[in-house]
Amino acid sequence: MGKSINAENEALMQQIMKLTYDEKWEEDEKVVTEVTRLGKKLWAQTKDNRRSAKIIGVYWKEKIIAKGTSKEIAGVVDYTPGTVNTFARTKRNDPKGRQYRYLEL
């Protein structure tokens, strides 16, 4: 098994700190390119840890008629994804009587 993401991030940060220890590190092209490469790798790993989209269920008379992300549901019910999220967050019914709820996975 590989290292965990936190251990990899810690190792990358240690390498960046070693390379940037000298005050004049920005003048050395090799050091700048290496710090840039490590920074991009670190950013890509932390970006993967972002939250995934929540699954929303659309109910009509207590029966689920659709489920998916806000983008998927927006295409079906002719609302914007932001409107679908608002309906789910506030637990309101739309003008046609459909209720939107976040589903537990």
PDB file of N, CA and C in Angstrom:
ATOM      1  N   MET A   1       0.826  -1.178   0.000  1.00  0.00           N
ATOM      2  CA  MET A   1       0.000   0.000   0.000  1.00  0.00           C
ATOM      3  C   MET A   1       0.876   1.250   0.000  1.00  0.00           C
ATOM      4  N   GLY A   2       0.358   2.295  -0.631  1.00  0.00           N
ATOM      5  CA  GLY A   2       1.077   3.547  -0.666  1.00  0.00           C
ATOM      6  C   GLY A   2       0.858   4.345   0.601  1.00  0.00           C
ATOM      7  N   LYS A   3       1.511   5.461   0.660  1.00  0.00           N
ATOM      8  CA  LYS A   3       1.343   6.334   1.810  1.00  0.00           C
ATOM      9  C   LYS A   3      -0.051   6.933   1.790  1.00  0.00           C
ATOM     10  N   SER A   4      -0.506   7.322   2.967  1.00  0.00           N
ATOM     11  CA  SER A   4      -1.795   8.010   3.016  1.00  0.00           C
ATOM     12  C   SER A   4      -1.608   9.420   2.458  1.00  0.00           C
ATOM     13  N   ILE A   5      -2.712  10.043   2.118  1.00  0.00           N
ATOM     14  CA  ILE A   5      -2.644  11.375   1.513  1.00  0.00           C
ATOM     15  C   ILE A   5      -2.011  12.370   2.473  1.00  0.00           C
ATOM     16  N   ASN A   6      -2.351  12.299   3.747  1.00  0.00           N
ATOM     17  CA  ASN A   6      -1.777  13.225   4.714  1.00  0.00           C
ATOM     18  C   ASN A   6      -0.269  13.044   4.835  1.00  0.00           C
ATOM     19  N   ALA A   7       0.202  11.810   4.801  1.00  0.00           N
ATOM     20  CA  ALA A   7       1.639  11.552   4.886  1.00  0.00           C
ATOM     21  C   ALA A   7       2.343  12.064   3.626  1.00  0.00           C
ATOM     22  N   GLU A   8       1.704  11.880   2.467  1.00  0.00           N
ATOM     23  CA  GLU A   8       2.290  12.387   1.229  1.00  0.00           C
ATOM     24  C   GLU A   8       2.335  13.913   1.245  1.00  0.00           C
ATOM     25  N   ASN A   9       1.247  14.537   1.696  1.00  0.00           N
ATOM     26  CA  ASN A   9       1.221  15.995   1.781  1.00  0.00           C
ATOM     27  C   ASN A   9       2.302  16.503   2.721  1.00  0.00           C
ATOM     28  N   GLU A  10       2.459  15.834   3.840  1.00  0.00           N
ATOM     29  CA  GLU A  10       3.476  16.224   4.810  1.00  0.00           C
ATOM     30  C   GLU A  10       4.876  16.116   4.199  1.00  0.00           C
ATOM     31  N   ALA A  11       5.123  15.047   3.455  1.00  0.00           N
ATOM     32  CA  ALA A  11       6.423  14.864   2.818  1.00  0.00           C
ATOM     33  C   ALA A  11       6.675  15.941   1.766  1.00  0.00           C
ATOM     34  N   LEU A  12       5.645  16.250   0.989  1.00  0.00           N
ATOM     35  CA  LEU A  12       5.790  17.303  -0.023  1.00  0.00           C
ATOM     36  C   LEU A  12       6.066  18.654   0.623  1.00  0.00           C
ATOM     37  N   MET A  13       5.367  18.945   1.705  1.00  0.00           N
ATOM     38  CA  MET A  13       5.589  20.219   2.407  1.00  0.00           C
ATOM     39  C   MET A  13       7.009  20.289   2.969  1.00  0.00           C
ATOM     40  N   GLN A  14       7.509  19.166   3.489  1.00  0.00           N
ATOM     41  CA  GLN A  14       8.876  19.132   4.011  1.00  0.00           C
ATOM     42  C   GLN A  14       9.882  19.423   2.900  1.00  0.00           C
ATOM     43  N   GLN A  15       9.671  18.822   1.727  1.00  0.00           N
ATOM     44  CA  GLN A  15      10.570  19.064   0.599  1.00  0.00           C
ATOM     45  C   GLN A  15      10.523  20.535   0.178  1.00  0.00           C
ATOM     46  N   ILE A  16       9.339  21.095   0.114  1.00  0.00           N
ATOM     47  CA  ILE A  16       9.204  22.505  -0.280  1.00  0.00           C
ATOM     48  C   ILE A  16       9.900  23.398   0.746  1.00  0.00           C
ATOM     49  N   MET A  17       9.753  23.091   2.030  1.00  0.00           N
ATOM     50  CA  MET A  17      10.404  23.910   3.067  1.00  0.00           C
ATOM     51  C   MET A  17      11.922  23.824   2.971  1.00  0.00           C
ATOM     52  N   LYS A  18      12.448  22.630   2.674  1.00  0.00           N
ATOM     53  CA  LYS A  18      13.902  22.491   2.520  1.00  0.00           C
ATOM     54  C   LYS A  18      14.402  23.306   1.329  1.00  0.00           C
ATOM     55  N   LEU A  19      13.652  23.258   0.232  1.00  0.00           N
ATOM     56  CA  LEU A  19      14.078  23.981  -0.972  1.00  0.00           C
ATOM     57  C   LEU A  19      13.968  25.495  -0.809  1.00  0.00           C
ATOM     58  N   THR A  20      13.002  25.953  -0.048  1.00  0.00           N
ATOM     59  CA  THR A  20      12.790  27.401   0.089  1.00  0.00           C
ATOM     60  C   THR A  20      13.408  27.968   1.365  1.00  0.00           C
ATOM     61  N   TYR A  21      14.261  27.218   2.022  1.00  0.00           N
ATOM     62  CA  TYR A  21      14.894  27.665   3.262  1.00  0.00           C
ATOM     63  C   TYR A  21      15.765  28.892   3.026  1.00  0.00           C
ATOM     64  N   ASP A  22      16.506  28.889   1.931  1.00  0.00           N
ATOM     65  CA  ASP A  22      17.382  30.016   1.586  1.00  0.00           C
ATOM     66  C   ASP A  22      16.527  31.182   1.106  1.00  0.00           C
ATOM     67  N   GLU A  23      16.871  32.396   1.540  1.00  0.00           N
ATOM     68  CA  GLU A  23      16.092  33.581   1.156  1.00  0.00           C
ATOM     69  C   GLU A  23      16.168  33.871  -0.342  1.00  0.00           C
ATOM     70  N   LYS A  24      17.215  33.412  -1.003  1.00  0.00           N
ATOM     71  CA  LYS A  24      17.397  33.695  -2.427  1.00  0.00           C
ATOM     72  C   LYS A  24      17.003  32.509  -3.305  1.00  0.00           C
ATOM     73  N   TRP A  25      16.080  31.675  -2.838  1.00  0.00           N
ATOM     74  CA  TRP A  25      15.700  30.471  -3.584  1.00  0.00           C
ATOM     75  C   TRP A  25      15.036  30.803  -4.913  1.00  0.00           C
ATOM     76  N   GLU A  26      14.370  31.958  -5.001  1.00  0.00           N
ATOM     77  CA  GLU A  26      13.660  32.316  -6.231  1.00  0.00           C
ATOM     78  C   GLU A  26      14.604  32.666  -7.384  1.00  0.00           C
ATOM     79  N   GLU A  27      15.867  32.905  -7.083  1.00  0.00           N
ATOM     80  CA  GLU A  27      16.840  33.239  -8.116  1.00  0.00           C
ATOM     81  C   GLU A  27      17.385  32.002  -8.829  1.00  0.00           C
ATOM     82  N   ASP A  28      17.256  30.840  -8.220  1.00  0.00           N
ATOM     83  CA  ASP A  28      17.744  29.587  -8.819  1.00  0.00           C
ATOM     84  C   ASP A  28      16.600  28.930  -9.604  1.00  0.00           C
ATOM     85  N   GLU A  29      16.776  28.843 -10.928  1.00  0.00           N
ATOM     86  CA  GLU A  29      15.718  28.310 -11.798  1.00  0.00           C
ATOM     87  C   GLU A  29      15.349  26.863 -11.468  1.00  0.00           C
ATOM     88  N   LYS A  30      16.357  26.049 -11.146  1.00  0.00           N
ATOM     89  CA  LYS A  30      16.093  24.645 -10.839  1.00  0.00           C
ATOM     90  C   LYS A  30      15.220  24.512  -9.587  1.00  0.00           C
ATOM     91  N   VAL A  31      15.524  25.314  -8.574  1.00  0.00           N
ATOM     92  CA  VAL A  31      14.754  25.264  -7.335  1.00  0.00           C
ATOM     93  C   VAL A  31      13.321  25.754  -7.590  1.00  0.00           C
ATOM     94  N   VAL A  32      13.177  26.803  -8.376  1.00  0.00           N
ATOM     95  CA  VAL A  32      11.844  27.340  -8.668  1.00  0.00           C
ATOM     96  C   VAL A  32      10.997  26.305  -9.405  1.00  0.00           C
ATOM     97  N   THR A  33      11.571  25.641 -10.396  1.00  0.00           N
ATOM     98  CA  THR A  33      10.801  24.637 -11.137  1.00  0.00           C
ATOM     99  C   THR A  33      10.436  23.448 -10.254  1.00  0.00           C
ATOM    100  N   GLU A  34      11.341  23.053  -9.362  1.00  0.00           N
ATOM    101  CA  GLU A  34      11.061  21.928  -8.463  1.00  0.00           C
ATOM    102  C   GLU A  34       9.963  22.301  -7.455  1.00  0.00           C
ATOM    103  N   VAL A  35      10.018  23.506  -6.904  1.00  0.00           N
ATOM    104  CA  VAL A  35       8.986  23.961  -5.962  1.00  0.00           C
ATOM    105  C   VAL A  35       7.635  24.061  -6.678  1.00  0.00           C
ATOM    106  N   THR A  36       7.636  24.548  -7.903  1.00  0.00           N
ATOM    107  CA  THR A  36       6.408  24.636  -8.686  1.00  0.00           C
ATOM    108  C   THR A  36       5.833  23.256  -8.940  1.00  0.00           C
ATOM    109  N   ARG A  37       6.666  22.302  -9.306  1.00  0.00           N
ATOM    110  CA  ARG A  37       6.217  20.931  -9.568  1.00  0.00           C
ATOM    111  C   ARG A  37       5.630  20.310  -8.302  1.00  0.00           C
ATOM    112  N   LEU A  38       6.326  20.474  -7.181  1.00  0.00           N
ATOM    113  CA  LEU A  38       5.834  19.914  -5.920  1.00  0.00           C
ATOM    114  C   LEU A  38       4.535  20.588  -5.487  1.00  0.00           C
ATOM    115  N   GLY A  39       4.448  21.894  -5.697  1.00  0.00           N
ATOM    116  CA  GLY A  39       3.231  22.622  -5.338  1.00  0.00           C
ATOM    117  C   GLY A  39       2.032  22.164  -6.142  1.00  0.00           C
ATOM    118  N   LYS A  40       2.237  21.926  -7.437  1.00  0.00           N
ATOM    119  CA  LYS A  40       1.138  21.442  -8.280  1.00  0.00           C
ATOM    120  C   LYS A  40       0.686  20.056  -7.831  1.00  0.00           C
ATOM    121  N   LYS A  41       1.636  19.204  -7.475  1.00  0.00           N
ATOM    122  CA  LYS A  41       1.306  17.860  -7.014  1.00  0.00           C
ATOM    123  C   LYS A  41       0.533  17.931  -5.693  1.00  0.00           C
ATOM    124  N   LEU A  42       0.968  18.802  -4.799  1.00  0.00           N
ATOM    125  CA  LEU A  42       0.302  18.987  -3.511  1.00  0.00           C
ATOM    126  C   LEU A  42      -1.106  19.520  -3.710  1.00  0.00           C
ATOM    127  N   TRP A  43      -1.268  20.492  -4.610  1.00  0.00           N
ATOM    128  CA  TRP A  43      -2.586  21.074  -4.865  1.00  0.00           C
ATOM    129  C   TRP A  43      -3.520  20.036  -5.479  1.00  0.00           C
ATOM    130  N   ALA A  44      -3.025  19.196  -6.350  1.00  0.00           N
ATOM    131  CA  ALA A  44      -3.866  18.164  -6.971  1.00  0.00           C
ATOM    132  C   ALA A  44      -4.369  17.181  -5.925  1.00  0.00           C
ATOM    133  N   GLN A  45      -3.546  16.845  -4.949  1.00  0.00           N
ATOM    134  CA  GLN A  45      -3.962  15.902  -3.903  1.00  0.00           C
ATOM    135  C   GLN A  45      -4.999  16.528  -2.984  1.00  0.00           C
ATOM    136  N   THR A  46      -4.828  17.778  -2.622  1.00  0.00           N
ATOM    137  CA  THR A  46      -5.790  18.413  -1.722  1.00  0.00           C
ATOM    138  C   THR A  46      -7.092  18.697  -2.453  1.00  0.00           C
ATOM    139  N   LYS A  47      -7.029  18.931  -3.757  1.00  0.00           N
ATOM    140  CA  LYS A  47      -8.229  19.182  -4.534  1.00  0.00           C
ATOM    141  C   LYS A  47      -9.112  17.942  -4.596  1.00  0.00           C
ATOM    142  N   ASP A  48      -8.511  16.755  -4.583  1.00  0.00           N
ATOM    143  CA  ASP A  48      -9.270  15.508  -4.626  1.00  0.00           C
ATOM    144  C   ASP A  48     -10.068  15.278  -3.349  1.00  0.00           C
ATOM    145  N   ASN A  49      -9.698  15.933  -2.268  1.00  0.00           N
ATOM    146  CA  ASN A  49     -10.367  15.722  -0.987  1.00  0.00           C
ATOM    147  C   ASN A  49     -11.621  16.567  -0.826  1.00  0.00           C
ATOM    148  N   ARG A  50     -12.016  17.305  -1.836  1.00  0.00           N
ATOM    149  CA  ARG A  50     -13.205  18.141  -1.723  1.00  0.00           C
ATOM    150  C   ARG A  50     -14.451  17.283  -1.610  1.00  0.00           C
ATOM    151  N   ARG A  51     -15.489  17.909  -1.092  1.00  0.00           N
ATOM    152  CA  ARG A  51     -16.745  17.180  -0.921  1.00  0.00           C
ATOM    153  C   ARG A  51     -17.324  16.783  -2.269  1.00  0.00           C
ATOM    154  N   SER A  52     -17.957  15.656  -2.276  1.00  0.00           N
ATOM    155  CA  SER A  52     -18.631  15.217  -3.494  1.00  0.00           C
ATOM    156  C   SER A  52     -20.046  15.788  -3.502  1.00  0.00           C
ATOM    157  N   ALA A  53     -20.675  15.770  -4.652  1.00  0.00           N
ATOM    158  CA  ALA A  53     -22.016  16.315  -4.783  1.00  0.00           C
ATOM    159  C   ALA A  53     -22.996  15.484  -3.961  1.00  0.00           C
ATOM    160  N   LYS A  54     -23.940  16.174  -3.342  1.00  0.00           N
ATOM    161  CA  LYS A  54     -24.954  15.484  -2.548  1.00  0.00           C
ATOM    162  C   LYS A  54     -26.035  14.943  -3.466  1.00  0.00           C
ATOM    163  N   ILE A  55     -26.602  13.822  -3.063  1.00  0.00           N
ATOM    164  CA  ILE A  55     -27.681  13.204  -3.824  1.00  0.00           C
ATOM    165  C   ILE A  55     -29.008  13.753  -3.293  1.00  0.00           C
ATOM    166  N   ILE A  56     -29.854  14.186  -4.216  1.00  0.00           N
ATOM    167  CA  ILE A  56     -31.146  14.766  -3.874  1.00  0.00           C
ATOM    168  C   ILE A  56     -32.236  13.842  -4.413  1.00  0.00           C
ATOM    169  N   GLY A  57     -33.272  13.655  -3.615  1.00  0.00           N
ATOM    170  CA  GLY A  57     -34.431  12.875  -4.039  1.00  0.00           C
ATOM    171  C   GLY A  57     -35.609  13.800  -4.291  1.00  0.00           C
ATOM    172  N   VAL A  58     -36.361  13.519  -5.345  1.00  0.00           N
ATOM    173  CA  VAL A  58     -37.565  14.284  -5.658  1.00  0.00           C
ATOM    174  C   VAL A  58     -38.761  13.396  -5.311  1.00  0.00           C
ATOM    175  N   TYR A  59     -39.621  13.899  -4.440  1.00  0.00           N
ATOM    176  CA  TYR A  59     -40.766  13.131  -3.969  1.00  0.00           C
ATOM    177  C   TYR A  59     -42.061  13.748  -4.483  1.00  0.00           C
ATOM    178  N   TRP A  60     -43.008  12.882  -4.792  1.00  0.00           N
ATOM    179  CA  TRP A  60     -44.360  13.288  -5.162  1.00  0.00           C
ATOM    180  C   TRP A  60     -45.306  12.390  -4.379  1.00  0.00           C
ATOM    181  N   LYS A  61     -46.089  12.978  -3.487  1.00  0.00           N
ATOM    182  CA  LYS A  61     -47.013  12.236  -2.615  1.00  0.00           C
ATOM    183  C   LYS A  61     -46.285  11.112  -1.882  1.00  0.00           C
ATOM    184  N   GLU A  62     -45.149  11.466  -1.277  1.00  0.00           N
ATOM    185  CA  GLU A  62     -44.332  10.553  -0.468  1.00  0.00           C
ATOM    186  C   GLU A  62     -43.707   9.391  -1.253  1.00  0.00           C
ATOM    187  N   LYS A  63     -43.741   9.439  -2.567  1.00  0.00           N
ATOM    188  CA  LYS A  63     -43.057   8.434  -3.385  1.00  0.00           C
ATOM    189  C   LYS A  63     -41.920   9.114  -4.124  1.00  0.00           C
ATOM    190  N   ILE A  64     -40.768   8.458  -4.138  1.00  0.00           N
ATOM    191  CA  ILE A  64     -39.617   9.034  -4.825  1.00  0.00           C
ATOM    192  C   ILE A  64     -39.790   8.846  -6.334  1.00  0.00           C
ATOM    193  N   ILE A  65     -39.680   9.955  -7.063  1.00  0.00           N
ATOM    194  CA  ILE A  65     -39.843   9.867  -8.519  1.00  0.00           C
ATOM    195  C   ILE A  65     -38.535  10.071  -9.269  1.00  0.00           C
ATOM    196  N   ALA A  66     -37.538  10.640  -8.597  1.00  0.00           N
ATOM    197  CA  ALA A  66     -36.223  10.827  -9.225  1.00  0.00           C
ATOM    198  C   ALA A  66     -35.190  11.028  -8.132  1.00  0.00           C
ATOM    199  N   LYS A  67     -33.957  10.656  -8.441  1.00  0.00           N
ATOM    200  CA  LYS A  67     -32.859  10.962  -7.529  1.00  0.00           C
ATOM    201  C   LYS A  67     -31.599  11.158  -8.342  1.00  0.00           C
ATOM    202  N   GLY A  68     -30.730  12.012  -7.831  1.00  0.00           N
ATOM    203  CA  GLY A  68     -29.474  12.317  -8.500  1.00  0.00           C
ATOM    204  C   GLY A  68     -28.879  13.597  -7.931  1.00  0.00           C
ATOM    205  N   THR A  69     -27.843  14.096  -8.578  1.00  0.00           N
ATOM    206  CA  THR A  69     -27.251  15.367  -8.155  1.00  0.00           C
ATOM    207  C   THR A  69     -28.138  16.510  -8.629  1.00  0.00           C
ATOM    208  N   SER A  70     -27.864  17.694  -8.137  1.00  0.00           N
ATOM    209  CA  SER A  70     -28.692  18.839  -8.522  1.00  0.00           C
ATOM    210  C   SER A  70     -28.628  19.099 -10.023  1.00  0.00           C
ATOM    211  N   LYS A  71     -27.471  18.858 -10.638  1.00  0.00           N
ATOM    212  CA  LYS A  71     -27.351  19.048 -12.091  1.00  0.00           C
ATOM    213  C   LYS A  71     -28.207  18.052 -12.851  1.00  0.00           C
ATOM    214  N   GLU A  72     -28.195  16.802 -12.412  1.00  0.00           N
ATOM    215  CA  GLU A  72     -28.987  15.778 -13.080  1.00  0.00           C
ATOM    216  C   GLU A  72     -30.478  16.049 -12.946  1.00  0.00           C
ATOM    217  N   ILE A  73     -30.904  16.416 -11.746  1.00  0.00           N
ATOM    218  CA  ILE A  73     -32.324  16.677 -11.515  1.00  0.00           C
ATOM    219  C   ILE A  73     -32.767  17.944 -12.235  1.00  0.00           C
ATOM    220  N   ALA A  74     -31.905  18.933 -12.306  1.00  0.00           N
ATOM    221  CA  ALA A  74     -32.261  20.182 -12.977  1.00  0.00           C
ATOM    222  C   ALA A  74     -32.619  19.938 -14.437  1.00  0.00           C
ATOM    223  N   GLY A  75     -31.952  19.019 -15.085  1.00  0.00           N
ATOM    224  CA  GLY A  75     -32.267  18.714 -16.478  1.00  0.00           C
ATOM    225  C   GLY A  75     -33.628  18.066 -16.640  1.00  0.00           C
ATOM    226  N   VAL A  76     -34.072  17.348 -15.619  1.00  0.00           N
ATOM    227  CA  VAL A  76     -35.353  16.643 -15.685  1.00  0.00           C
ATOM    228  C   VAL A  76     -36.525  17.561 -15.339  1.00  0.00           C
ATOM    229  N   VAL A  77     -36.363  18.397 -14.328  1.00  0.00           N
ATOM    230  CA  VAL A  77     -37.487  19.196 -13.826  1.00  0.00           C
ATOM    231  C   VAL A  77     -37.482  20.634 -14.325  1.00  0.00           C
ATOM    232  N   ASP A  78     -36.577  20.986 -15.193  1.00  0.00           N
ATOM    233  CA  ASP A  78     -36.495  22.322 -15.801  1.00  0.00           C
ATOM    234  C   ASP A  78     -36.270  23.453 -14.792  1.00  0.00           C
ATOM    235  N   TYR A  79     -35.419  23.213 -13.810  1.00  0.00           N
ATOM    236  CA  TYR A  79     -34.949  24.248 -12.890  1.00  0.00           C
ATOM    237  C   TYR A  79     -33.433  24.310 -13.015  1.00  0.00           C
ATOM    238  N   THR A  80     -32.845  25.378 -12.496  1.00  0.00           N
ATOM    239  CA  THR A  80     -31.386  25.461 -12.455  1.00  0.00           C
ATOM    240  C   THR A  80     -30.890  24.612 -11.278  1.00  0.00           C
ATOM    241  N   PRO A  81     -29.639  24.171 -11.319  1.00  0.00           N
ATOM    242  CA  PRO A  81     -29.111  23.399 -10.188  1.00  0.00           C
ATOM    243  C   PRO A  81     -29.178  24.172  -8.866  1.00  0.00           C
ATOM    244  N   GLY A  82     -28.997  25.477  -8.920  1.00  0.00           N
ATOM    245  CA  GLY A  82     -29.087  26.286  -7.708  1.00  0.00           C
ATOM    246  C   GLY A  82     -30.484  26.282  -7.118  1.00  0.00           C
ATOM    247  N   THR A  83     -31.495  26.317  -7.973  1.00  0.00           N
ATOM    248  CA  THR A  83     -32.875  26.277  -7.503  1.00  0.00           C
ATOM    249  C   THR A  83     -33.186  24.922  -6.875  1.00  0.00           C
ATOM    250  N   VAL A  84     -32.697  23.847  -7.488  1.00  0.00           N
ATOM    251  CA  VAL A  84     -32.906  22.505  -6.934  1.00  0.00           C
ATOM    252  C   VAL A  84     -32.241  22.403  -5.564  1.00  0.00           C
ATOM    253  N   ASN A  85     -31.012  22.935  -5.424  1.00  0.00           N
ATOM    254  CA  ASN A  85     -30.326  22.926  -4.125  1.00  0.00           C
ATOM    255  C   ASN A  85     -31.104  23.732  -3.095  1.00  0.00           C
ATOM    256  N   THR A  86     -31.653  24.862  -3.499  1.00  0.00           N
ATOM    257  CA  THR A  86     -32.431  25.685  -2.575  1.00  0.00           C
ATOM    258  C   THR A  86     -33.664  24.942  -2.102  1.00  0.00           C
ATOM    259  N   PHE A  87     -34.382  24.293  -3.012  1.00  0.00           N
ATOM    260  CA  PHE A  87     -35.553  23.510  -2.626  1.00  0.00           C
ATOM    261  C   PHE A  87     -35.164  22.413  -1.645  1.00  0.00           C
ATOM    262  N   ALA A  88     -34.045  21.724  -1.889  1.00  0.00           N
ATOM    263  CA  ALA A  88     -33.612  20.634  -1.009  1.00  0.00           C
ATOM    264  C   ALA A  88     -33.158  21.163   0.349  1.00  0.00           C
ATOM    265  N   ARG A  89     -32.432  22.268   0.344  1.00  0.00           N
ATOM    266  CA  ARG A  89     -31.918  22.828   1.591  1.00  0.00           C
ATOM    267  C   ARG A  89     -33.047  23.346   2.480  1.00  0.00           C
ATOM    268  N   THR A  90     -34.054  23.995   1.869  1.00  0.00           N
ATOM    269  CA  THR A  90     -35.145  24.585   2.650  1.00  0.00           C
ATOM    270  C   THR A  90     -36.313  23.631   2.841  1.00  0.00           C
ATOM    271  N   LYS A  91     -36.252  22.462   2.192  1.00  0.00           N
ATOM    272  CA  LYS A  91     -37.296  21.435   2.290  1.00  0.00           C
ATOM    273  C   LYS A  91     -38.671  21.984   1.894  1.00  0.00           C
ATOM    274  N   ARG A  92     -38.682  22.834   0.888  1.00  0.00           N
ATOM    275  CA  ARG A  92     -39.932  23.400   0.376  1.00  0.00           C
ATOM    276  C   ARG A  92     -40.421  22.577  -0.804  1.00  0.00           C
ATOM    277  N   ASN A  93     -41.711  22.735  -1.103  1.00  0.00           N
ATOM    278  CA  ASN A  93     -42.288  22.136  -2.301  1.00  0.00           C
ATOM    279  C   ASN A  93     -42.213  23.141  -3.438  1.00  0.00           C
ATOM    280  N   ASP A  94     -42.055  22.636  -4.660  1.00  0.00           N
ATOM    281  CA  ASP A  94     -42.094  23.530  -5.813  1.00  0.00           C
ATOM    282  C   ASP A  94     -43.562  23.790  -6.174  1.00  0.00           C
ATOM    283  N   PRO A  95     -43.835  24.687  -7.127  1.00  0.00           N
ATOM    284  CA  PRO A  95     -45.224  25.006  -7.481  1.00  0.00           C
ATOM    285  C   PRO A  95     -46.051  23.795  -7.948  1.00  0.00           C
ATOM    286  N   LYS A  96     -45.395  22.745  -8.415  1.00  0.00           N
ATOM    287  CA  LYS A  96     -46.128  21.550  -8.862  1.00  0.00           C
ATOM    288  C   LYS A  96     -46.328  20.534  -7.731  1.00  0.00           C
ATOM    289  N   GLY A  97     -45.892  20.852  -6.532  1.00  0.00           N
ATOM    290  CA  GLY A  97     -46.109  19.978  -5.386  1.00  0.00           C
ATOM    291  C   GLY A  97     -45.022  18.960  -5.140  1.00  0.00           C
ATOM    292  N   ARG A  98     -43.914  19.021  -5.866  1.00  0.00           N
ATOM    293  CA  ARG A  98     -42.812  18.071  -5.659  1.00  0.00           C
ATOM    294  C   ARG A  98     -41.956  18.554  -4.494  1.00  0.00           C
ATOM    295  N   GLN A  99     -41.497  17.622  -3.704  1.00  0.00           N
ATOM    296  CA  GLN A  99     -40.633  17.964  -2.585  1.00  0.00           C
ATOM    297  C   GLN A  99     -39.227  17.442  -2.867  1.00  0.00           C
ATOM    298  N   TYR A 100     -38.232  18.238  -2.518  1.00  0.00           N
ATOM    299  CA  TYR A 100     -36.825  17.906  -2.759  1.00  0.00           C
ATOM    300  C   TYR A 100     -36.157  17.699  -1.408  1.00  0.00           C
ATOM    301  N   ARG A 101     -35.451  16.567  -1.253  1.00  0.00           N
ATOM    302  CA  ARG A 101     -34.759  16.253   0.004  1.00  0.00           C
ATOM    303  C   ARG A 101     -33.380  15.688  -0.300  1.00  0.00           C
ATOM    304  N   TYR A 102     -32.434  16.017   0.577  1.00  0.00           N
ATOM    305  CA  TYR A 102     -31.124  15.377   0.495  1.00  0.00           C
ATOM    306  C   TYR A 102     -31.262  13.945   0.988  1.00  0.00           C
ATOM    307  N   LEU A 103     -30.667  13.003   0.284  1.00  0.00           N
ATOM    308  CA  LEU A 103     -30.747  11.592   0.658  1.00  0.00           C
ATOM    309  C   LEU A 103     -29.512  11.182   1.449  1.00  0.00           C
ATOM    310  N   GLU A 104     -29.698  10.338   2.431  1.00  0.00           N
ATOM    311  CA  GLU A 104     -28.595   9.767   3.195  1.00  0.00           C
ATOM    312  C   GLU A 104     -28.040   8.590   2.418  1.00  0.00           C
ATOM    313  N   LEU A 105     -26.736   8.514   2.309  1.00  0.00           N
ATOM    314  CA  LEU A 105     -26.129   7.378   1.601  1.00  0.00           C
ATOM    315  C   LEU A 105     -25.530   6.392   2.559  1.00  0.00           C
TER     316      LEU A 105
END
